[in-house]
Amino acid sequence: MFNSPGVTPPQAGETVTLRFMAADLLVIRD
């Protein structure tokens, strides 16, 4: 992924984007 845990804390907007992307992946996976 873009930001690995413990490397650099993502910005607020970046976190929201990653969450949306993760949600899309879960929907596609279902």
N, C-alpha and C. Protein backbone atom coordinates (compact mmCIF):
# COMPACT_ATOMS: atom_id res chain seq x y z
N MET A 1 0.84 -1.20 0.00
CA MET A 1 0.00 0.00 0.00
C MET A 1 0.87 1.24 0.00
N PHE A 2 0.23 2.40 0.21
CA PHE A 2 0.98 3.65 0.15
C PHE A 2 1.76 3.88 1.44
N ASN A 3 1.07 3.79 2.58
CA ASN A 3 1.74 4.06 3.86
C ASN A 3 1.76 2.80 4.70
N SER A 4 2.93 2.29 5.02
CA SER A 4 3.04 1.13 5.90
C SER A 4 2.94 1.58 7.34
N PRO A 5 2.32 0.81 8.20
CA PRO A 5 2.18 1.20 9.61
C PRO A 5 3.55 1.42 10.25
N GLY A 6 3.70 2.53 10.97
CA GLY A 6 4.94 2.77 11.70
C GLY A 6 6.00 3.48 10.88
N VAL A 7 5.73 3.79 9.63
CA VAL A 7 6.74 4.48 8.82
C VAL A 7 6.54 5.98 8.96
N THR A 8 5.52 6.51 8.30
CA THR A 8 5.21 7.93 8.44
C THR A 8 3.71 8.06 8.62
N PRO A 9 3.26 8.81 9.63
CA PRO A 9 1.83 8.98 9.87
C PRO A 9 1.17 9.70 8.70
N PRO A 10 0.15 9.10 8.11
CA PRO A 10 -0.52 9.72 6.96
C PRO A 10 -1.30 10.97 7.38
N GLN A 11 -1.49 11.88 6.46
CA GLN A 11 -2.28 13.07 6.75
C GLN A 11 -3.76 12.70 6.82
N ALA A 12 -4.56 13.60 7.35
CA ALA A 12 -5.98 13.31 7.56
C ALA A 12 -6.65 12.93 6.24
N GLY A 13 -6.47 13.74 5.22
CA GLY A 13 -7.11 13.47 3.93
C GLY A 13 -6.61 12.16 3.34
N GLU A 14 -5.33 11.89 3.54
CA GLU A 14 -4.75 10.67 2.99
C GLU A 14 -5.38 9.45 3.67
N THR A 15 -5.60 9.56 4.98
CA THR A 15 -6.21 8.44 5.71
C THR A 15 -7.62 8.19 5.19
N VAL A 16 -8.38 9.27 4.97
CA VAL A 16 -9.74 9.12 4.46
C VAL A 16 -9.71 8.42 3.11
N THR A 17 -8.78 8.83 2.24
CA THR A 17 -8.68 8.24 0.91
C THR A 17 -8.38 6.75 1.01
N LEU A 18 -7.42 6.40 1.88
CA LEU A 18 -7.05 4.99 2.03
C LEU A 18 -8.23 4.19 2.57
N ARG A 19 -9.00 4.79 3.47
CA ARG A 19 -10.17 4.10 4.01
C ARG A 19 -11.19 3.84 2.90
N PHE A 20 -11.41 4.83 2.04
CA PHE A 20 -12.35 4.63 0.94
C PHE A 20 -11.84 3.55 -0.01
N MET A 21 -10.53 3.56 -0.26
CA MET A 21 -9.95 2.56 -1.15
C MET A 21 -10.10 1.16 -0.54
N ALA A 22 -9.86 1.06 0.77
CA ALA A 22 -10.01 -0.23 1.44
C ALA A 22 -11.46 -0.71 1.36
N ALA A 23 -12.40 0.21 1.54
CA ALA A 23 -13.82 -0.14 1.46
C ALA A 23 -14.15 -0.64 0.05
N ASP A 24 -13.62 0.03 -0.97
CA ASP A 24 -13.86 -0.40 -2.35
C ASP A 24 -13.30 -1.80 -2.58
N LEU A 25 -12.11 -2.07 -2.03
CA LEU A 25 -11.51 -3.40 -2.20
C LEU A 25 -12.38 -4.45 -1.54
N LEU A 26 -12.93 -4.13 -0.36
CA LEU A 26 -13.79 -5.09 0.33
C LEU A 26 -15.04 -5.35 -0.48
N VAL A 27 -15.60 -4.30 -1.07
CA VAL A 27 -16.81 -4.47 -1.89
C VAL A 27 -16.50 -5.34 -3.10
N ILE A 28 -15.37 -5.06 -3.74
CA ILE A 28 -14.99 -5.83 -4.93
C ILE A 28 -14.73 -7.28 -4.53
N ARG A 29 -14.12 -7.46 -3.36
CA ARG A 29 -13.78 -8.82 -2.92
C ARG A 29 -15.06 -9.61 -2.66
N ASP A 30 -16.09 -8.94 -2.15
CA ASP A 30 -17.38 -9.60 -1.96
C ASP A 30 -18.03 -9.80 -3.31
